[in-house]
PDB file of N, CA and C in Angstrom:
ATOM      1  N   MET A   1     -34.802 -25.781 -21.965  1.00  0.00           N
ATOM      2  CA  MET A   1     -33.277 -25.192 -21.747  1.00  0.00           C
ATOM      3  C   MET A   1     -33.695 -25.433 -19.627  1.00  0.00           C
ATOM      4  N   SER A   2     -32.974 -26.432 -19.096  1.00  0.00           N
ATOM      5  CA  SER A   2     -33.354 -26.623 -17.575  1.00  0.00           C
ATOM      6  C   SER A   2     -33.041 -25.572 -16.539  1.00  0.00           C
ATOM      7  N   THR A   3     -33.458 -25.687 -15.474  1.00  0.00           N
ATOM      8  CA  THR A   3     -33.375 -24.434 -14.647  1.00  0.00           C
ATOM      9  C   THR A   3     -31.457 -24.656 -14.491  1.00  0.00           C
ATOM     10  N   LEU A   4     -30.995 -25.559 -14.494  1.00  0.00           N
ATOM     11  CA  LEU A   4     -29.573 -25.090 -14.267  1.00  0.00           C
ATOM     12  C   LEU A   4     -28.624 -24.468 -15.318  1.00  0.00           C
ATOM     13  N   PHE A   5     -29.023 -24.578 -16.353  1.00  0.00           N
ATOM     14  CA  PHE A   5     -28.472 -23.878 -17.549  1.00  0.00           C
ATOM     15  C   PHE A   5     -29.389 -22.824 -17.934  1.00  0.00           C
ATOM     16  N   THR A   6     -29.092 -21.474 -17.516  1.00  0.00           N
ATOM     17  CA  THR A   6     -30.098 -20.546 -17.199  1.00  0.00           C
ATOM     18  C   THR A   6     -29.305 -19.623 -18.489  1.00  0.00           C
ATOM     19  N   PRO A   7     -30.097 -18.751 -19.333  1.00  0.00           N
ATOM     20  CA  PRO A   7     -29.075 -18.107 -19.444  1.00  0.00           C
ATOM     21  C   PRO A   7     -28.002 -17.483 -19.427  1.00  0.00           C
ATOM     22  N   TYR A   8     -28.472 -16.925 -18.006  1.00  0.00           N
ATOM     23  CA  TYR A   8     -27.505 -16.069 -16.698  1.00  0.00           C
ATOM     24  C   TYR A   8     -26.388 -16.894 -16.880  1.00  0.00           C
ATOM     25  N   MET A   9     -26.259 -18.114 -16.354  1.00  0.00           N
ATOM     26  CA  MET A   9     -25.444 -19.055 -16.232  1.00  0.00           C
ATOM     27  C   MET A   9     -24.443 -19.587 -16.852  1.00  0.00           C
ATOM     28  N   VAL A  10     -25.233 -19.359 -18.426  1.00  0.00           N
ATOM     29  CA  VAL A  10     -24.351 -19.834 -19.451  1.00  0.00           C
ATOM     30  C   VAL A  10     -23.318 -18.464 -19.388  1.00  0.00           C
ATOM     31  N   LEU A  11     -23.623 -17.498 -19.036  1.00  0.00           N
ATOM     32  CA  LEU A  11     -22.929 -15.571 -19.624  1.00  0.00           C
ATOM     33  C   LEU A  11     -21.945 -16.003 -18.603  1.00  0.00           C
ATOM     34  N   LEU A  12     -22.097 -16.595 -17.193  1.00  0.00           N
ATOM     35  CA  LEU A  12     -21.572 -16.221 -16.379  1.00  0.00           C
ATOM     36  C   LEU A  12     -20.492 -16.801 -16.673  1.00  0.00           C
ATOM     37  N   ILE A  13     -20.732 -18.629 -16.892  1.00  0.00           N
ATOM     38  CA  ILE A  13     -19.393 -19.365 -17.176  1.00  0.00           C
ATOM     39  C   ILE A  13     -18.643 -18.853 -18.897  1.00  0.00           C
ATOM     40  N   LEU A  14     -19.344 -18.221 -19.378  1.00  0.00           N
ATOM     41  CA  LEU A  14     -18.224 -17.430 -20.392  1.00  0.00           C
ATOM     42  C   LEU A  14     -17.712 -16.562 -19.898  1.00  0.00           C
ATOM     43  N   ALA A  15     -18.470 -15.679 -18.967  1.00  0.00           N
ATOM     44  CA  ALA A  15     -17.567 -14.410 -18.817  1.00  0.00           C
ATOM     45  C   ALA A  15     -16.625 -15.116 -18.203  1.00  0.00           C
ATOM     46  N   ALA A  16     -16.222 -16.169 -17.289  1.00  0.00           N
ATOM     47  CA  ALA A  16     -15.388 -16.561 -16.295  1.00  0.00           C
ATOM     48  C   ALA A  16     -14.151 -16.802 -17.215  1.00  0.00           C
ATOM     49  N   ALA A  17     -14.749 -17.599 -18.226  1.00  0.00           N
ATOM     50  CA  ALA A  17     -13.819 -18.281 -18.897  1.00  0.00           C
ATOM     51  C   ALA A  17     -12.646 -17.476 -19.981  1.00  0.00           C
ATOM     52  N   VAL A  18     -13.641 -16.169 -20.196  1.00  0.00           N
ATOM     53  CA  VAL A  18     -13.039 -15.138 -20.665  1.00  0.00           C
ATOM     54  C   VAL A  18     -11.632 -14.867 -20.173  1.00  0.00           C
ATOM     55  N   ALA A  19     -12.442 -14.633 -18.979  1.00  0.00           N
ATOM     56  CA  ALA A  19     -11.409 -13.506 -18.057  1.00  0.00           C
ATOM     57  C   ALA A  19     -10.096 -14.906 -17.436  1.00  0.00           C
ATOM     58  N   THR A  20     -10.343 -16.152 -17.060  1.00  0.00           N
ATOM     59  CA  THR A  20      -9.102 -16.555 -17.054  1.00  0.00           C
ATOM     60  C   THR A  20      -8.351 -16.890 -17.856  1.00  0.00           C
ATOM     61  N   TYR A  21      -8.663 -16.824 -19.078  1.00  0.00           N
ATOM     62  CA  TYR A  21      -8.117 -16.549 -20.249  1.00  0.00           C
ATOM     63  C   TYR A  21      -6.999 -15.639 -20.446  1.00  0.00           C
ATOM     64  N   LEU A  22      -7.705 -14.189 -20.423  1.00  0.00           N
ATOM     65  CA  LEU A  22      -6.991 -13.043 -20.513  1.00  0.00           C
ATOM     66  C   LEU A  22      -6.091 -12.864 -19.844  1.00  0.00           C
ATOM     67  N   THR A  23      -5.948 -13.387 -18.434  1.00  0.00           N
ATOM     68  CA  THR A  23      -5.780 -13.477 -17.223  1.00  0.00           C
ATOM     69  C   THR A  23      -3.964 -14.081 -17.529  1.00  0.00           C
ATOM     70  N   ARG A  24      -4.507 -15.265 -18.210  1.00  0.00           N
ATOM     71  CA  ARG A  24      -3.669 -16.314 -18.201  1.00  0.00           C
ATOM     72  C   ARG A  24      -2.431 -15.616 -20.067  1.00  0.00           C
ATOM     73  N   ILE A  25      -2.983 -15.324 -20.729  1.00  0.00           N
ATOM     74  CA  ILE A  25      -2.411 -15.010 -21.582  1.00  0.00           C
ATOM     75  C   ILE A  25      -1.306 -13.438 -21.342  1.00  0.00           C
ATOM     76  N   GLY A  26      -2.463 -12.836 -20.440  1.00  0.00           N
ATOM     77  CA  GLY A  26      -1.829 -11.290 -19.812  1.00  0.00           C
ATOM     78  C   GLY A  26      -0.378 -11.148 -19.741  1.00  0.00           C
ATOM     79  N   GLY A  27      -0.433 -12.504 -18.217  1.00  0.00           N
ATOM     80  CA  GLY A  27       0.572 -12.748 -17.688  1.00  0.00           C
ATOM     81  C   GLY A  27       2.092 -13.061 -18.216  1.00  0.00           C
ATOM     82  N   TYR A  28       1.696 -13.972 -19.477  1.00  0.00           N
ATOM     83  CA  TYR A  28       2.615 -14.380 -20.599  1.00  0.00           C
ATOM     84  C   TYR A  28       3.316 -13.519 -21.283  1.00  0.00           C
ATOM     85  N   VAL A  29       2.363 -12.832 -21.700  1.00  0.00           N
ATOM     86  CA  VAL A  29       2.760 -11.874 -22.112  1.00  0.00           C
ATOM     87  C   VAL A  29       3.586 -10.633 -22.248  1.00  0.00           C
ATOM     88  N   LEU A  30       3.150 -10.161 -21.157  1.00  0.00           N
ATOM     89  CA  LEU A  30       3.910  -9.158 -19.916  1.00  0.00           C
ATOM     90  C   LEU A  30       5.163  -9.891 -19.972  1.00  0.00           C
ATOM     91  N   VAL A  31       5.306 -11.009 -19.312  1.00  0.00           N
ATOM     92  CA  VAL A  31       7.020 -11.047 -19.057  1.00  0.00           C
ATOM     93  C   VAL A  31       7.673 -11.867 -20.361  1.00  0.00           C
ATOM     94  N   LYS A  32       7.031 -11.911 -21.149  1.00  0.00           N
ATOM     95  CA  LYS A  32       7.808 -12.394 -22.697  1.00  0.00           C
ATOM     96  C   LYS A  32       8.434 -10.510 -23.208  1.00  0.00           C
ATOM     97  N   ARG A  33       7.529  -9.782 -22.730  1.00  0.00           N
ATOM     98  CA  ARG A  33       7.961  -8.441 -23.622  1.00  0.00           C
ATOM     99  C   ARG A  33       9.272  -7.825 -22.393  1.00  0.00           C
ATOM    100  N   LEU A  34       9.042  -8.362 -21.290  1.00  0.00           N
ATOM    101  CA  LEU A  34      10.326  -7.730 -20.202  1.00  0.00           C
ATOM    102  C   LEU A  34      11.861  -8.595 -20.964  1.00  0.00           C
ATOM    103  N   LYS A  35      12.835  -7.663 -20.984  1.00  0.00           N
ATOM    104  CA  LYS A  35      14.059  -7.604 -21.221  1.00  0.00           C
ATOM    105  C   LYS A  35      14.484  -8.744 -20.288  1.00  0.00           C
ATOM    106  N   THR A  36      14.865  -8.240 -18.959  1.00  0.00           N
ATOM    107  CA  THR A  36      14.988  -8.422 -17.899  1.00  0.00           C
ATOM    108  C   THR A  36      14.277  -9.174 -16.900  1.00  0.00           C
ATOM    109  N   MET A  37      13.648  -9.777 -16.312  1.00  0.00           N
ATOM    110  CA  MET A  37      12.540  -9.802 -14.953  1.00  0.00           C
ATOM    111  C   MET A  37      13.761  -9.059 -13.920  1.00  0.00           C
ATOM    112  N   PRO A  38      12.705  -8.106 -13.688  1.00  0.00           N
ATOM    113  CA  PRO A  38      12.800  -7.734 -12.342  1.00  0.00           C
ATOM    114  C   PRO A  38      13.273  -8.963 -10.673  1.00  0.00           C
ATOM    115  N   PRO A  39      13.648  -7.969  -9.865  1.00  0.00           N
ATOM    116  CA  PRO A  39      13.799  -9.392  -9.253  1.00  0.00           C
ATOM    117  C   PRO A  39      12.465  -9.277  -8.340  1.00  0.00           C
ATOM    118  N   ARG A  40      11.633  -8.101  -7.645  1.00  0.00           N
ATOM    119  CA  ARG A  40      10.808  -8.347  -6.865  1.00  0.00           C
ATOM    120  C   ARG A  40       9.624  -9.156  -8.132  1.00  0.00           C
ATOM    121  N   LEU A  41       9.628  -8.931  -9.226  1.00  0.00           N
ATOM    122  CA  LEU A  41       8.585  -9.722 -10.482  1.00  0.00           C
ATOM    123  C   LEU A  41       8.896 -11.295  -9.480  1.00  0.00           C
ATOM    124  N   GLU A  42      10.407 -11.428 -10.073  1.00  0.00           N
ATOM    125  CA  GLU A  42      10.591 -12.700  -9.766  1.00  0.00           C
ATOM    126  C   GLU A  42      10.333 -13.658  -8.761  1.00  0.00           C
ATOM    127  N   ALA A  43      10.393 -12.309  -7.758  1.00  0.00           N
ATOM    128  CA  ALA A  43      10.404 -13.289  -5.853  1.00  0.00           C
ATOM    129  C   ALA A  43       9.174 -13.762  -6.287  1.00  0.00           C
ATOM    130  N   ALA A  44       7.724 -12.381  -6.708  1.00  0.00           N
ATOM    131  CA  ALA A  44       6.249 -12.645  -6.721  1.00  0.00           C
ATOM    132  C   ALA A  44       5.900 -13.777  -7.580  1.00  0.00           C
ATOM    133  N   LEU A  45       6.647 -13.833  -8.527  1.00  0.00           N
ATOM    134  CA  LEU A  45       6.127 -14.846  -9.476  1.00  0.00           C
ATOM    135  C   LEU A  45       6.246 -16.602  -8.450  1.00  0.00           C
ATOM    136  N   ASN A  46       7.618 -16.720  -7.977  1.00  0.00           N
ATOM    137  CA  ASN A  46       8.254 -17.518  -7.156  1.00  0.00           C
ATOM    138  C   ASN A  46       7.454 -17.955  -5.595  1.00  0.00           C
ATOM    139  N   ALA A  47       5.924 -17.046  -5.407  1.00  0.00           N
ATOM    140  CA  ALA A  47       5.343 -17.096  -3.921  1.00  0.00           C
ATOM    141  C   ALA A  47       4.387 -17.484  -4.187  1.00  0.00           C
ATOM    142  N   VAL A  48       3.759 -17.406  -5.699  1.00  0.00           N
ATOM    143  CA  VAL A  48       2.514 -18.079  -6.211  1.00  0.00           C
ATOM    144  C   VAL A  48       2.378 -19.741  -6.141  1.00  0.00           C
ATOM    145  N   PRO A  49       3.262 -20.494  -6.273  1.00  0.00           N
ATOM    146  CA  PRO A  49       2.859 -21.587  -6.060  1.00  0.00           C
ATOM    147  C   PRO A  49       2.870 -22.484  -4.381  1.00  0.00           C
ATOM    148  N   ALA A  50       2.748 -21.234  -3.565  1.00  0.00           N
ATOM    149  CA  ALA A  50       2.591 -21.641  -2.024  1.00  0.00           C
ATOM    150  C   ALA A  50       1.655 -21.068  -1.639  1.00  0.00           C
ATOM    151  N   ALA A  51       1.050 -20.031  -2.367  1.00  0.00           N
ATOM    152  CA  ALA A  51      -0.094 -19.093  -2.152  1.00  0.00           C
ATOM    153  C   ALA A  51      -1.306 -20.018  -2.836  1.00  0.00           C
ATOM    154  N   VAL A  52      -0.747 -20.399  -3.580  1.00  0.00           N
ATOM    155  CA  VAL A  52      -2.167 -21.322  -3.868  1.00  0.00           C
ATOM    156  C   VAL A  52      -2.468 -22.664  -3.975  1.00  0.00           C
ATOM    157  N   LEU A  53      -1.351 -22.830  -3.227  1.00  0.00           N
ATOM    158  CA  LEU A  53      -1.188 -24.357  -2.134  1.00  0.00           C
ATOM    159  C   LEU A  53      -1.984 -24.116  -0.747  1.00  0.00           C
ATOM    160  N   THR A  54      -1.541 -23.209  -0.237  1.00  0.00           N
ATOM    161  CA  THR A  54      -2.383 -22.186   0.813  1.00  0.00           C
ATOM    162  C   THR A  54      -3.921 -22.158   0.595  1.00  0.00           C
ATOM    163  N   THR A  55      -4.253 -21.491  -0.083  1.00  0.00           N
ATOM    164  CA  THR A  55      -5.508 -21.319  -0.752  1.00  0.00           C
ATOM    165  C   THR A  55      -6.422 -22.534  -0.821  1.00  0.00           C
ATOM    166  N   LEU A  56      -6.140 -23.771  -1.090  1.00  0.00           N
ATOM    167  CA  LEU A  56      -6.771 -24.802  -1.237  1.00  0.00           C
ATOM    168  C   LEU A  56      -6.490 -25.827   0.016  1.00  0.00           C
ATOM    169  N   VAL A  57      -5.292 -25.842   0.623  1.00  0.00           N
ATOM    170  CA  VAL A  57      -5.403 -26.588   1.890  1.00  0.00           C
ATOM    171  C   VAL A  57      -6.262 -26.075   3.019  1.00  0.00           C
ATOM    172  N   ALA A  58      -6.173 -24.701   3.505  1.00  0.00           N
ATOM    173  CA  ALA A  58      -6.770 -24.466   4.622  1.00  0.00           C
ATOM    174  C   ALA A  58      -8.151 -24.040   4.473  1.00  0.00           C
ATOM    175  N   PRO A  59      -8.506 -23.796   3.827  1.00  0.00           N
ATOM    176  CA  PRO A  59     -10.517 -24.309   4.202  1.00  0.00           C
ATOM    177  C   PRO A  59     -10.703 -25.840   4.551  1.00  0.00           C
ATOM    178  N   ALA A  60     -10.149 -26.350   3.380  1.00  0.00           N
ATOM    179  CA  ALA A  60     -10.372 -27.964   3.913  1.00  0.00           C
ATOM    180  C   ALA A  60      -9.719 -28.673   5.738  1.00  0.00           C
ATOM    181  N   PHE A  61      -8.696 -27.693   6.340  1.00  0.00           N
ATOM    182  CA  PHE A  61      -8.439 -28.150   7.503  1.00  0.00           C
ATOM    183  C   PHE A  61      -9.131 -27.514   8.413  1.00  0.00           C
ATOM    184  N   PHE A  62      -9.158 -26.169   7.798  1.00  0.00           N
ATOM    185  CA  PHE A  62     -10.232 -25.663   9.156  1.00  0.00           C
ATOM    186  C   PHE A  62     -11.663 -25.863   8.988  1.00  0.00           C
ATOM    187  N   ALA A  63     -12.160 -26.341   8.082  1.00  0.00           N
ATOM    188  CA  ALA A  63     -13.543 -26.783   7.673  1.00  0.00           C
ATOM    189  C   ALA A  63     -13.594 -28.211   7.990  1.00  0.00           C
ATOM    190  N   GLY A  64     -12.733 -28.825   8.122  1.00  0.00           N
ATOM    191  CA  GLY A  64     -12.355 -30.410   7.970  1.00  0.00           C
ATOM    192  C   GLY A  64     -13.073 -30.908   9.241  1.00  0.00           C
ATOM    193  N   THR A  65     -13.536 -31.953   9.097  1.00  0.00           N
ATOM    194  CA  THR A  65     -13.956 -33.059  10.190  1.00  0.00           C
ATOM    195  C   THR A  65     -12.148 -33.403  11.043  1.00  0.00           C
ATOM    196  N   ILE A  66     -12.637 -34.217  12.203  1.00  0.00           N
ATOM    197  CA  ILE A  66     -11.031 -34.407  12.506  1.00  0.00           C
ATOM    198  C   ILE A  66     -10.029 -35.575  11.656  1.00  0.00           C
ATOM    199  N   ASP A  67     -11.084 -36.410  11.264  1.00  0.00           N
ATOM    200  CA  ASP A  67      -9.880 -37.209  10.225  1.00  0.00           C
ATOM    201  C   ASP A  67      -9.342 -36.543   9.033  1.00  0.00           C
ATOM    202  N   ILE A  68      -9.514 -35.754   8.461  1.00  0.00           N
ATOM    203  CA  ILE A  68      -9.197 -34.835   7.614  1.00  0.00           C
ATOM    204  C   ILE A  68      -7.838 -34.158   8.105  1.00  0.00           C
ATOM    205  N   LYS A  69      -7.886 -33.502   9.393  1.00  0.00           N
ATOM    206  CA  LYS A  69      -6.708 -32.692   9.988  1.00  0.00           C
ATOM    207  C   LYS A  69      -5.728 -34.361  10.030  1.00  0.00           C
ATOM    208  N   ILE A  70      -6.444 -35.270  10.518  1.00  0.00           N
ATOM    209  CA  ILE A  70      -5.016 -35.954  10.927  1.00  0.00           C
ATOM    210  C   ILE A  70      -4.163 -36.436   9.581  1.00  0.00           C
ATOM    211  N   ALA A  71      -5.105 -36.865   8.408  1.00  0.00           N
ATOM    212  CA  ALA A  71      -4.799 -37.042   7.434  1.00  0.00           C
ATOM    213  C   ALA A  71      -3.784 -35.824   6.193  1.00  0.00           C
ATOM    214  N   MET A  72      -4.353 -34.770   6.858  1.00  0.00           N
ATOM    215  CA  MET A  72      -3.303 -33.613   6.233  1.00  0.00           C
ATOM    216  C   MET A  72      -1.879 -33.294   7.466  1.00  0.00           C
ATOM    217  N   ALA A  73      -2.382 -33.476   8.331  1.00  0.00           N
ATOM    218  CA  ALA A  73      -0.894 -33.776   9.767  1.00  0.00           C
ATOM    219  C   ALA A  73       0.223 -34.807   9.281  1.00  0.00           C
ATOM    220  N   VAL A  74      -0.464 -36.128   8.837  1.00  0.00           N
ATOM    221  CA  VAL A  74       0.392 -37.128   8.813  1.00  0.00           C
ATOM    222  C   VAL A  74       0.957 -36.808   7.352  1.00  0.00           C
ATOM    223  N   SER A  75       0.140 -36.178   5.799  1.00  0.00           N
ATOM    224  CA  SER A  75       0.539 -36.308   4.758  1.00  0.00           C
ATOM    225  C   SER A  75       1.635 -35.137   5.067  1.00  0.00           C
ATOM    226  N   LEU A  76       1.594 -33.957   5.516  1.00  0.00           N
ATOM    227  CA  LEU A  76       2.673 -33.285   6.072  1.00  0.00           C
ATOM    228  C   LEU A  76       3.908 -33.882   6.548  1.00  0.00           C
ATOM    229  N   LEU A  77       4.026 -34.757   7.538  1.00  0.00           N
ATOM    230  CA  LEU A  77       4.796 -35.514   7.802  1.00  0.00           C
ATOM    231  C   LEU A  77       5.606 -36.592   6.671  1.00  0.00           C
ATOM    232  N   VAL A  78       4.373 -36.745   5.720  1.00  0.00           N
ATOM    233  CA  VAL A  78       5.426 -37.414   5.248  1.00  0.00           C
ATOM    234  C   VAL A  78       5.970 -36.950   4.013  1.00  0.00           C
ATOM    235  N   GLY A  79       5.110 -35.640   3.586  1.00  0.00           N
ATOM    236  CA  GLY A  79       6.144 -35.338   2.575  1.00  0.00           C
ATOM    237  C   GLY A  79       6.820 -34.068   2.855  1.00  0.00           C
ATOM    238  N   LEU A  80       7.481 -34.183   4.078  1.00  0.00           N
ATOM    239  CA  LEU A  80       8.897 -33.557   4.598  1.00  0.00           C
ATOM    240  C   LEU A  80       9.875 -34.760   4.278  1.00  0.00           C
ATOM    241  N   ARG A  81       9.815 -35.961   3.865  1.00  0.00           N
ATOM    242  CA  ARG A  81      10.674 -36.552   3.732  1.00  0.00           C
ATOM    243  C   ARG A  81      10.637 -37.289   2.345  1.00  0.00           C
ATOM    244  N   PHE A  82       9.613 -37.337   1.588  1.00  0.00           N
ATOM    245  CA  PHE A  82       9.179 -38.037   0.590  1.00  0.00           C
ATOM    246  C   PHE A  82       8.623 -37.267  -0.546  1.00  0.00           C
ATOM    247  N   SER A  83       8.547 -37.494  -1.808  1.00  0.00           N
ATOM    248  CA  SER A  83       7.771 -36.562  -2.494  1.00  0.00           C
ATOM    249  C   SER A  83       6.296 -37.136  -2.821  1.00  0.00           C
ATOM    250  N   ALA A  84       5.588 -36.400  -3.549  1.00  0.00           N
ATOM    251  CA  ALA A  84       4.248 -35.806  -3.828  1.00  0.00           C
ATOM    252  C   ALA A  84       3.262 -37.497  -4.098  1.00  0.00           C
ATOM    253  N   ILE A  85       3.774 -38.039  -3.929  1.00  0.00           N
ATOM    254  CA  ILE A  85       2.923 -39.349  -4.749  1.00  0.00           C
ATOM    255  C   ILE A  85       2.789 -40.201  -3.481  1.00  0.00           C
ATOM    256  N   PRO A  86       4.007 -40.185  -2.984  1.00  0.00           N
ATOM    257  CA  PRO A  86       3.893 -41.375  -0.871  1.00  0.00           C
ATOM    258  C   PRO A  86       2.831 -40.271  -0.176  1.00  0.00           C
ATOM    259  N   MET A  87       3.422 -39.049  -0.495  1.00  0.00           N
ATOM    260  CA  MET A  87       2.205 -37.947   0.680  1.00  0.00           C
ATOM    261  C   MET A  87       0.531 -38.406   0.637  1.00  0.00           C
ATOM    262  N   LEU A  88       0.672 -38.477  -1.237  1.00  0.00           N
ATOM    263  CA  LEU A  88      -0.513 -38.308  -0.889  1.00  0.00           C
ATOM    264  C   LEU A  88      -1.383 -39.685  -0.897  1.00  0.00           C
ATOM    265  N   ILE A  89      -0.778 -40.863  -1.097  1.00  0.00           N
ATOM    266  CA  ILE A  89      -1.080 -42.324  -0.721  1.00  0.00           C
ATOM    267  C   ILE A  89      -1.422 -42.103   0.642  1.00  0.00           C
ATOM    268  N   ALA A  90      -0.562 -41.616   1.431  1.00  0.00           N
ATOM    269  CA  ALA A  90      -0.382 -41.788   2.844  1.00  0.00           C
ATOM    270  C   ALA A  90      -1.421 -41.312   3.411  1.00  0.00           C
ATOM    271  N   GLY A  91      -1.735 -39.774   2.510  1.00  0.00           N
ATOM    272  CA  GLY A  91      -2.559 -39.233   3.059  1.00  0.00           C
ATOM    273  C   GLY A  91      -4.122 -40.315   3.158  1.00  0.00           C
ATOM    274  N   TRP A  92      -4.209 -40.254   2.143  1.00  0.00           N
ATOM    275  CA  TRP A  92      -5.580 -41.606   1.428  1.00  0.00           C
ATOM    276  C   TRP A  92      -5.896 -42.638   2.190  1.00  0.00           C
ATOM    277  N   ILE A  93      -4.522 -43.040   2.274  1.00  0.00           N
ATOM    278  CA  ILE A  93      -4.946 -44.345   3.548  1.00  0.00           C
ATOM    279  C   ILE A  93      -5.182 -44.261   5.132  1.00  0.00           C
ATOM    280  N   VAL A  94      -4.667 -42.850   5.761  1.00  0.00           N
ATOM    281  CA  VAL A  94      -5.194 -42.750   6.596  1.00  0.00           C
ATOM    282  C   VAL A  94      -6.888 -41.515   6.794  1.00  0.00           C
ATOM    283  N   VAL A  95      -6.747 -40.853   5.442  1.00  0.00           N
ATOM    284  CA  VAL A  95      -8.287 -40.717   5.877  1.00  0.00           C
ATOM    285  C   VAL A  95      -9.478 -42.046   5.642  1.00  0.00           C
ATOM    286  N   MET A  96      -9.633 -42.502   4.801  1.00  0.00           N
ATOM    287  CA  MET A  96      -9.670 -44.055   4.757  1.00  0.00           C
ATOM    288  C   MET A  96     -10.025 -44.711   6.204  1.00  0.00           C
ATOM    289  N   LEU A  97      -8.841 -45.002   6.662  1.00  0.00           N
ATOM    290  CA  LEU A  97      -9.086 -45.810   7.867  1.00  0.00           C
ATOM    291  C   LEU A  97      -9.924 -45.279   9.049  1.00  0.00           C
ATOM    292  N   LEU A  98      -9.066 -43.787   8.817  1.00  0.00           N
ATOM    293  CA  LEU A  98     -10.005 -43.425   9.712  1.00  0.00           C
ATOM    294  C   LEU A  98     -12.114 -43.400   9.796  1.00  0.00           C
ATOM    295  N   ARG A  99     -12.262 -43.005   8.553  1.00  0.00           N
ATOM    296  CA  ARG A  99     -13.250 -43.095   8.121  1.00  0.00           C
ATOM    297  C   ARG A  99     -14.277 -44.289   8.141  1.00  0.00           C
ATOM    298  N   GLN A 100     -13.065 -45.481   7.952  1.00  0.00           N
ATOM    299  CA  GLN A 100     -13.844 -46.743   7.984  1.00  0.00           C
ATOM    300  C   GLN A 100     -13.616 -47.100   9.959  1.00  0.00           C
ATOM    301  N   PHE A 101     -12.791 -46.742  10.847  1.00  0.00           N
ATOM    302  CA  PHE A 101     -13.410 -47.269  12.111  1.00  0.00           C
ATOM    303  C   PHE A 101     -13.273 -45.915  13.293  1.00  0.00           C
ATOM    304  N   LEU A 102     -13.600 -44.823  12.450  1.00  0.00           N
ATOM    305  CA  LEU A 102     -13.763 -43.758  13.462  1.00  0.00           C
ATOM    306  C   LEU A 102     -15.037 -42.917  13.506  1.00  0.00           C
ATOM    307  N   VAL A 103     -15.451 -42.754  12.080  1.00  0.00           N
ATOM    308  CA  VAL A 103     -16.593 -42.151  12.088  1.00  0.00           C
ATOM    309  C   VAL A 103     -17.621 -43.353  11.901  1.00  0.00           C
TER     310      VAL A 103
END
């Protein structure tokens, strides 16, 4: 067995997979058992996508170089007007141009 796949690493991956599965299925079971969804629970569930997006974008913005920050700013501006695909394309183009000519 290689040093990358030690028994402890395999157990850790399996434990993480089981924990992920249980949290996902647990949320589904909990919501299915409710007759009506309380307003606070609905508000909390509505806040999840913004929280996930923040946890993905914030580290890249604060740890990234200037080309990433400019591309994210351009993507934000494009995203205010257009859908996700043009936003993604604009950010990709900006970061590639900046890396080609500035870095």
